[in-house]
Each structure stands twice: as structure tokens, then as C-alpha cells.
Amino acid sequence: MRRVDLRNSKDFFADLTRVIYEAKENEVLIVMFEIGDFSAVERSFSFVREQDCELLNSLKFNEVDWSIVIKKVKQ
């Protein structure tokens, strides 16, 4: 299990793609990011599925931060 902080990311989805690509098969990632508006949260759910990952959990961390827990299913 690895925690990844993308709260200061300039391009969240590009950085998330890189993190997922570098992850090992069956590795669990806890990814933190700033929500700004809720559309990034909704988009992240479908984005994770498109990257051959399983969304295990989604949680609002505080007023501006969100975390998703994903598992990379395929290499």
C-alpha cells in the first residue's frame, strides 16, 4: 500500500496516469487530491476504471481534499 499526495498537482489526471503506470500489479494506492469542484471526483471514478484499476474507496478528507483508494488490477 502506498500513499500518493497529488494535492499540489498542476495536471491531476496526467500525474495520476503516471502513478498508476508505475504501480505494480495488485498494488493499492491511496491518492489524495484537491477537489476544487466535484467534477474531478466524479471523473476520477471513471478514469480509474479506464486504467484497469478497481476503486476500493472514496472519501472526503476535509473541506478541500479528497482521497481515493484504488487497486491496480492489470499490469
PDB file of N, CA and C in Angstrom:
ATOM      1  N   MET A   1       0.857  -1.162   0.000  1.00  0.00           N
ATOM      2  CA  MET A   1       0.000   0.000   0.000  1.00  0.00           C
ATOM      3  C   MET A   1       0.908   1.231   0.000  1.00  0.00           C
ATOM      4  N   ARG A   2       0.525   2.175  -0.848  1.00  0.00           N
ATOM      5  CA  ARG A   2       1.336   3.387  -0.980  1.00  0.00           C
ATOM      6  C   ARG A   2       0.415   4.602  -0.986  1.00  0.00           C
ATOM      7  N   ARG A   3       0.836   5.637  -0.279  1.00  0.00           N
ATOM      8  CA  ARG A   3       0.084   6.891  -0.232  1.00  0.00           C
ATOM      9  C   ARG A   3       0.721   7.860  -1.210  1.00  0.00           C
ATOM     10  N   VAL A   4      -0.110   8.489  -2.042  1.00  0.00           N
ATOM     11  CA  VAL A   4       0.371   9.431  -3.048  1.00  0.00           C
ATOM     12  C   VAL A   4      -0.362  10.757  -2.846  1.00  0.00           C
ATOM     13  N   ASP A   5       0.392  11.816  -2.677  1.00  0.00           N
ATOM     14  CA  ASP A   5      -0.191  13.135  -2.446  1.00  0.00           C
ATOM     15  C   ASP A   5      -0.131  13.941  -3.741  1.00  0.00           C
ATOM     16  N   LEU A   6      -1.276  14.120  -4.371  1.00  0.00           N
ATOM     17  CA  LEU A   6      -1.364  14.905  -5.611  1.00  0.00           C
ATOM     18  C   LEU A   6      -2.131  16.213  -5.377  1.00  0.00           C
ATOM     19  N   ARG A   7      -2.167  16.670  -4.138  1.00  0.00           N
ATOM     20  CA  ARG A   7      -2.919  17.888  -3.828  1.00  0.00           C
ATOM     21  C   ARG A   7      -2.350  19.127  -4.505  1.00  0.00           C
ATOM     22  N   ASN A   8      -1.073  19.156  -4.784  1.00  0.00           N
ATOM     23  CA  ASN A   8      -0.462  20.315  -5.440  1.00  0.00           C
ATOM     24  C   ASN A   8      -0.226  20.093  -6.925  1.00  0.00           C
ATOM     25  N   SER A   9      -0.832  19.065  -7.470  1.00  0.00           N
ATOM     26  CA  SER A   9      -0.645  18.720  -8.873  1.00  0.00           C
ATOM     27  C   SER A   9      -1.234  19.796  -9.789  1.00  0.00           C
ATOM     28  N   LYS A  10      -0.494  20.123 -10.827  1.00  0.00           N
ATOM     29  CA  LYS A  10      -0.983  21.078 -11.844  1.00  0.00           C
ATOM     30  C   LYS A  10      -1.883  20.373 -12.855  1.00  0.00           C
ATOM     31  N   ASP A  11      -1.660  19.081 -13.070  1.00  0.00           N
ATOM     32  CA  ASP A  11      -2.458  18.289 -14.002  1.00  0.00           C
ATOM     33  C   ASP A  11      -2.743  16.935 -13.339  1.00  0.00           C
ATOM     34  N   PHE A  12      -3.787  16.896 -12.547  1.00  0.00           N
ATOM     35  CA  PHE A  12      -4.102  15.732 -11.725  1.00  0.00           C
ATOM     36  C   PHE A  12      -4.177  14.438 -12.528  1.00  0.00           C
ATOM     37  N   PHE A  13      -4.888  14.440 -13.641  1.00  0.00           N
ATOM     38  CA  PHE A  13      -5.088  13.192 -14.381  1.00  0.00           C
ATOM     39  C   PHE A  13      -3.805  12.718 -15.074  1.00  0.00           C
ATOM     40  N   ALA A  14      -2.955  13.625 -15.515  1.00  0.00           N
ATOM     41  CA  ALA A  14      -1.659  13.226 -16.082  1.00  0.00           C
ATOM     42  C   ALA A  14      -0.782  12.619 -14.990  1.00  0.00           C
ATOM     43  N   ASP A  15      -0.780  13.237 -13.829  1.00  0.00           N
ATOM     44  CA  ASP A  15       0.018  12.707 -12.719  1.00  0.00           C
ATOM     45  C   ASP A  15      -0.545  11.387 -12.213  1.00  0.00           C
ATOM     46  N   LEU A  16      -1.861  11.264 -12.167  1.00  0.00           N
ATOM     47  CA  LEU A  16      -2.479  10.007 -11.742  1.00  0.00           C
ATOM     48  C   LEU A  16      -2.167   8.893 -12.738  1.00  0.00           C
ATOM     49  N   THR A  17      -2.156   9.207 -14.020  1.00  0.00           N
ATOM     50  CA  THR A  17      -1.789   8.220 -15.043  1.00  0.00           C
ATOM     51  C   THR A  17      -0.372   7.710 -14.796  1.00  0.00           C
ATOM     52  N   ARG A  18       0.546   8.613 -14.522  1.00  0.00           N
ATOM     53  CA  ARG A  18       1.933   8.242 -14.254  1.00  0.00           C
ATOM     54  C   ARG A  18       2.036   7.355 -13.011  1.00  0.00           C
ATOM     55  N   VAL A  19       1.329   7.717 -11.954  1.00  0.00           N
ATOM     56  CA  VAL A  19       1.357   6.938 -10.709  1.00  0.00           C
ATOM     57  C   VAL A  19       0.818   5.534 -10.942  1.00  0.00           C
ATOM     58  N   ILE A  20      -0.279   5.427 -11.660  1.00  0.00           N
ATOM     59  CA  ILE A  20      -0.866   4.116 -11.943  1.00  0.00           C
ATOM     60  C   ILE A  20       0.071   3.293 -12.824  1.00  0.00           C
ATOM     61  N   TYR A  21       0.651   3.916 -13.828  1.00  0.00           N
ATOM     62  CA  TYR A  21       1.574   3.214 -14.723  1.00  0.00           C
ATOM     63  C   TYR A  21       2.761   2.631 -13.947  1.00  0.00           C
ATOM     64  N   GLU A  22       3.274   3.385 -12.992  1.00  0.00           N
ATOM     65  CA  GLU A  22       4.430   2.952 -12.210  1.00  0.00           C
ATOM     66  C   GLU A  22       4.083   1.938 -11.116  1.00  0.00           C
ATOM     67  N   ALA A  23       2.816   1.803 -10.785  1.00  0.00           N
ATOM     68  CA  ALA A  23       2.401   0.881  -9.724  1.00  0.00           C
ATOM     69  C   ALA A  23       2.534  -0.567 -10.187  1.00  0.00           C
ATOM     70  N   LYS A  24       2.759  -1.435  -9.217  1.00  0.00           N
ATOM     71  CA  LYS A  24       2.840  -2.858  -9.504  1.00  0.00           C
ATOM     72  C   LYS A  24       1.435  -3.450  -9.546  1.00  0.00           C
ATOM     73  N   GLU A  25       1.309  -4.584 -10.215  1.00  0.00           N
ATOM     74  CA  GLU A  25       0.026  -5.278 -10.264  1.00  0.00           C
ATOM     75  C   GLU A  25      -0.418  -5.620  -8.846  1.00  0.00           C
ATOM     76  N   ASN A  26      -1.683  -5.394  -8.543  1.00  0.00           N
ATOM     77  CA  ASN A  26      -2.320  -5.627  -7.242  1.00  0.00           C
ATOM     78  C   ASN A  26      -1.859  -4.663  -6.151  1.00  0.00           C
ATOM     79  N   GLU A  27      -1.117  -3.637  -6.511  1.00  0.00           N
ATOM     80  CA  GLU A  27      -0.712  -2.635  -5.511  1.00  0.00           C
ATOM     81  C   GLU A  27      -1.906  -1.730  -5.203  1.00  0.00           C
ATOM     82  N   VAL A  28      -2.055  -1.388  -3.944  1.00  0.00           N
ATOM     83  CA  VAL A  28      -3.124  -0.497  -3.500  1.00  0.00           C
ATOM     84  C   VAL A  28      -2.527   0.891  -3.307  1.00  0.00           C
ATOM     85  N   LEU A  29      -3.203   1.887  -3.872  1.00  0.00           N
ATOM     86  CA  LEU A  29      -2.754   3.274  -3.805  1.00  0.00           C
ATOM     87  C   LEU A  29      -3.803   4.120  -3.107  1.00  0.00           C
ATOM     88  N   ILE A  30      -3.369   4.940  -2.171  1.00  0.00           N
ATOM     89  CA  ILE A  30      -4.239   5.933  -1.552  1.00  0.00           C
ATOM     90  C   ILE A  30      -3.827   7.266  -2.156  1.00  0.00           C
ATOM     91  N   VAL A  31      -4.710   7.861  -2.932  1.00  0.00           N
ATOM     92  CA  VAL A  31      -4.386   9.078  -3.672  1.00  0.00           C
ATOM     93  C   VAL A  31      -5.170  10.244  -3.099  1.00  0.00           C
ATOM     94  N   MET A  32      -4.447  11.274  -2.669  1.00  0.00           N
ATOM     95  CA  MET A  32      -5.079  12.489  -2.157  1.00  0.00           C
ATOM     96  C   MET A  32      -4.995  13.570  -3.224  1.00  0.00           C
ATOM     97  N   PHE A  33      -6.098  14.322  -3.391  1.00  0.00           N
ATOM     98  CA  PHE A  33      -6.096  15.433  -4.342  1.00  0.00           C
ATOM     99  C   PHE A  33      -7.089  16.491  -3.901  1.00  0.00           C
ATOM    100  N   GLU A  34      -6.886  17.713  -4.398  1.00  0.00           N
ATOM    101  CA  GLU A  34      -7.807  18.808  -4.102  1.00  0.00           C
ATOM    102  C   GLU A  34      -8.988  18.731  -5.055  1.00  0.00           C
ATOM    103  N   ILE A  35     -10.181  18.953  -4.524  1.00  0.00           N
ATOM    104  CA  ILE A  35     -11.357  18.779  -5.371  1.00  0.00           C
ATOM    105  C   ILE A  35     -11.735  20.029  -6.149  1.00  0.00           C
ATOM    106  N   GLY A  36     -11.524  21.210  -5.615  1.00  0.00           N
ATOM    107  CA  GLY A  36     -11.932  22.414  -6.339  1.00  0.00           C
ATOM    108  C   GLY A  36     -13.436  22.385  -6.571  1.00  0.00           C
ATOM    109  N   ASP A  37     -13.873  21.650  -7.569  1.00  0.00           N
ATOM    110  CA  ASP A  37     -15.301  21.377  -7.740  1.00  0.00           C
ATOM    111  C   ASP A  37     -15.467  19.858  -7.820  1.00  0.00           C
ATOM    112  N   PHE A  38     -16.672  19.407  -7.647  1.00  0.00           N
ATOM    113  CA  PHE A  38     -16.929  17.972  -7.521  1.00  0.00           C
ATOM    114  C   PHE A  38     -16.711  17.197  -8.820  1.00  0.00           C
ATOM    115  N   SER A  39     -16.618  17.874  -9.955  1.00  0.00           N
ATOM    116  CA  SER A  39     -16.480  17.166 -11.237  1.00  0.00           C
ATOM    117  C   SER A  39     -15.209  16.322 -11.296  1.00  0.00           C
ATOM    118  N   ALA A  40     -14.126  16.766 -10.656  1.00  0.00           N
ATOM    119  CA  ALA A  40     -12.888  15.980 -10.649  1.00  0.00           C
ATOM    120  C   ALA A  40     -13.077  14.656  -9.915  1.00  0.00           C
ATOM    121  N   VAL A  41     -13.887  14.672  -8.879  1.00  0.00           N
ATOM    122  CA  VAL A  41     -14.159  13.447  -8.125  1.00  0.00           C
ATOM    123  C   VAL A  41     -14.934  12.473  -8.998  1.00  0.00           C
ATOM    124  N   GLU A  42     -16.005  12.931  -9.620  1.00  0.00           N
ATOM    125  CA  GLU A  42     -16.808  12.069 -10.486  1.00  0.00           C
ATOM    126  C   GLU A  42     -15.984  11.545 -11.659  1.00  0.00           C
ATOM    127  N   ARG A  43     -15.171  12.399 -12.251  1.00  0.00           N
ATOM    128  CA  ARG A  43     -14.342  11.985 -13.383  1.00  0.00           C
ATOM    129  C   ARG A  43     -13.286  10.965 -12.951  1.00  0.00           C
ATOM    130  N   SER A  44     -12.772  11.104 -11.739  1.00  0.00           N
ATOM    131  CA  SER A  44     -11.737  10.175 -11.266  1.00  0.00           C
ATOM    132  C   SER A  44     -12.273   8.749 -11.166  1.00  0.00           C
ATOM    133  N   PHE A  45     -13.552   8.582 -10.843  1.00  0.00           N
ATOM    134  CA  PHE A  45     -14.132   7.243 -10.728  1.00  0.00           C
ATOM    135  C   PHE A  45     -14.068   6.511 -12.072  1.00  0.00           C
ATOM    136  N   SER A  46     -14.527   7.155 -13.134  1.00  0.00           N
ATOM    137  CA  SER A  46     -14.493   6.513 -14.447  1.00  0.00           C
ATOM    138  C   SER A  46     -13.064   6.409 -14.966  1.00  0.00           C
ATOM    139  N   PHE A  47     -12.237   7.386 -14.666  1.00  0.00           N
ATOM    140  CA  PHE A  47     -10.847   7.363 -15.098  1.00  0.00           C
ATOM    141  C   PHE A  47     -10.116   6.158 -14.510  1.00  0.00           C
ATOM    142  N   VAL A  48     -10.338   5.875 -13.245  1.00  0.00           N
ATOM    143  CA  VAL A  48      -9.704   4.739 -12.575  1.00  0.00           C
ATOM    144  C   VAL A  48     -10.102   3.432 -13.262  1.00  0.00           C
ATOM    145  N   ARG A  49     -11.357   3.281 -13.590  1.00  0.00           N
ATOM    146  CA  ARG A  49     -11.814   2.066 -14.283  1.00  0.00           C
ATOM    147  C   ARG A  49     -11.168   1.937 -15.656  1.00  0.00           C
ATOM    148  N   GLU A  50     -11.020   3.037 -16.361  1.00  0.00           N
ATOM    149  CA  GLU A  50     -10.391   3.018 -17.686  1.00  0.00           C
ATOM    150  C   GLU A  50      -8.920   2.615 -17.619  1.00  0.00           C
ATOM    151  N   GLN A  51      -8.295   2.792 -16.472  1.00  0.00           N
ATOM    152  CA  GLN A  51      -6.876   2.471 -16.296  1.00  0.00           C
ATOM    153  C   GLN A  51      -6.680   1.048 -15.769  1.00  0.00           C
ATOM    154  N   ASP A  52      -7.697   0.202 -15.872  1.00  0.00           N
ATOM    155  CA  ASP A  52      -7.644  -1.182 -15.379  1.00  0.00           C
ATOM    156  C   ASP A  52      -7.347  -1.248 -13.888  1.00  0.00           C
ATOM    157  N   CYS A  53      -8.018  -0.382 -13.145  1.00  0.00           N
ATOM    158  CA  CYS A  53      -7.895  -0.375 -11.692  1.00  0.00           C
ATOM    159  C   CYS A  53      -9.279  -0.528 -11.072  1.00  0.00           C
ATOM    160  N   GLU A  54      -9.270  -0.931  -9.823  1.00  0.00           N
ATOM    161  CA  GLU A  54     -10.515  -1.099  -9.077  1.00  0.00           C
ATOM    162  C   GLU A  54     -10.589   0.003  -8.023  1.00  0.00           C
ATOM    163  N   LEU A  55     -11.702   0.722  -7.979  1.00  0.00           N
ATOM    164  CA  LEU A  55     -11.905   1.745  -6.968  1.00  0.00           C
ATOM    165  C   LEU A  55     -12.376   1.047  -5.694  1.00  0.00           C
ATOM    166  N   LEU A  56     -11.591   1.154  -4.632  1.00  0.00           N
ATOM    167  CA  LEU A  56     -11.924   0.479  -3.379  1.00  0.00           C
ATOM    168  C   LEU A  56     -12.661   1.400  -2.412  1.00  0.00           C
ATOM    169  N   ASN A  57     -12.343   2.707  -2.453  1.00  0.00           N
ATOM    170  CA  ASN A  57     -12.975   3.631  -1.531  1.00  0.00           C
ATOM    171  C   ASN A  57     -12.807   5.055  -2.039  1.00  0.00           C
ATOM    172  N   SER A  58     -13.683   5.921  -1.603  1.00  0.00           N
ATOM    173  CA  SER A  58     -13.616   7.335  -1.918  1.00  0.00           C
ATOM    174  C   SER A  58     -14.082   8.083  -0.680  1.00  0.00           C
ATOM    175  N   LEU A  59     -13.316   9.094  -0.280  1.00  0.00           N
ATOM    176  CA  LEU A  59     -13.610   9.753   0.987  1.00  0.00           C
ATOM    177  C   LEU A  59     -13.240  11.224   0.931  1.00  0.00           C
ATOM    178  N   LYS A  60     -14.149  12.055   1.381  1.00  0.00           N
ATOM    179  CA  LYS A  60     -13.835  13.478   1.523  1.00  0.00           C
ATOM    180  C   LYS A  60     -13.004  13.619   2.794  1.00  0.00           C
ATOM    181  N   PHE A  61     -11.775  14.093   2.644  1.00  0.00           N
ATOM    182  CA  PHE A  61     -10.830  14.154   3.748  1.00  0.00           C
ATOM    183  C   PHE A  61     -11.080  15.374   4.631  1.00  0.00           C
ATOM    184  N   ASN A  62     -11.317  16.514   4.031  1.00  0.00           N
ATOM    185  CA  ASN A  62     -11.683  17.752   4.735  1.00  0.00           C
ATOM    186  C   ASN A  62     -12.405  18.648   3.728  1.00  0.00           C
ATOM    187  N   GLU A  63     -12.430  19.934   3.951  1.00  0.00           N
ATOM    188  CA  GLU A  63     -13.194  20.822   3.070  1.00  0.00           C
ATOM    189  C   GLU A  63     -12.678  20.893   1.633  1.00  0.00           C
ATOM    190  N   VAL A  64     -11.385  20.678   1.410  1.00  0.00           N
ATOM    191  CA  VAL A  64     -10.843  20.830   0.065  1.00  0.00           C
ATOM    192  C   VAL A  64     -10.149  19.577  -0.476  1.00  0.00           C
ATOM    193  N   ASP A  65      -9.891  18.603   0.366  1.00  0.00           N
ATOM    194  CA  ASP A  65      -9.141  17.426  -0.060  1.00  0.00           C
ATOM    195  C   ASP A  65     -10.026  16.188  -0.144  1.00  0.00           C
ATOM    196  N   TRP A  66      -9.709  15.364  -1.122  1.00  0.00           N
ATOM    197  CA  TRP A  66     -10.437  14.120  -1.354  1.00  0.00           C
ATOM    198  C   TRP A  66      -9.414  13.000  -1.452  1.00  0.00           C
ATOM    199  N   SER A  67      -9.784  11.809  -1.054  1.00  0.00           N
ATOM    200  CA  SER A  67      -8.888  10.673  -1.252  1.00  0.00           C
ATOM    201  C   SER A  67      -9.649   9.545  -1.928  1.00  0.00           C
ATOM    202  N   ILE A  68      -8.955   8.852  -2.801  1.00  0.00           N
ATOM    203  CA  ILE A  68      -9.491   7.636  -3.400  1.00  0.00           C
ATOM    204  C   ILE A  68      -8.494   6.515  -3.132  1.00  0.00           C
ATOM    205  N   VAL A  69      -9.030   5.339  -2.907  1.00  0.00           N
ATOM    206  CA  VAL A  69      -8.199   4.163  -2.705  1.00  0.00           C
ATOM    207  C   VAL A  69      -8.444   3.260  -3.896  1.00  0.00           C
ATOM    208  N   ILE A  70      -7.373   2.959  -4.627  1.00  0.00           N
ATOM    209  CA  ILE A  70      -7.509   2.151  -5.840  1.00  0.00           C
ATOM    210  C   ILE A  70      -6.533   0.981  -5.790  1.00  0.00           C
ATOM    211  N   LYS A  71      -6.874  -0.031  -6.536  1.00  0.00           N
ATOM    212  CA  LYS A  71      -6.014  -1.212  -6.654  1.00  0.00           C
ATOM    213  C   LYS A  71      -5.755  -1.422  -8.137  1.00  0.00           C
ATOM    214  N   LYS A  72      -4.478  -1.497  -8.490  1.00  0.00           N
ATOM    215  CA  LYS A  72      -4.118  -1.757  -9.885  1.00  0.00           C
ATOM    216  C   LYS A  72      -4.339  -3.251 -10.155  1.00  0.00           C
ATOM    217  N   VAL A  73      -5.246  -3.552 -11.050  1.00  0.00           N
ATOM    218  CA  VAL A  73      -5.631  -4.939 -11.302  1.00  0.00           C
ATOM    219  C   VAL A  73      -4.722  -5.583 -12.342  1.00  0.00           C
ATOM    220  N   LYS A  74      -4.427  -4.873 -13.419  1.00  0.00           N
ATOM    221  CA  LYS A  74      -3.615  -5.443 -14.501  1.00  0.00           C
ATOM    222  C   LYS A  74      -2.329  -4.655 -14.683  1.00  0.00           C
ATOM    223  N   GLN A  75      -1.299  -5.341 -15.110  1.00  0.00           N
ATOM    224  CA  GLN A  75      -0.008  -4.706 -15.370  1.00  0.00           C
ATOM    225  C   GLN A  75       0.033  -4.117 -16.751  1.00  0.00           C
TER     226      GLN A  75
END
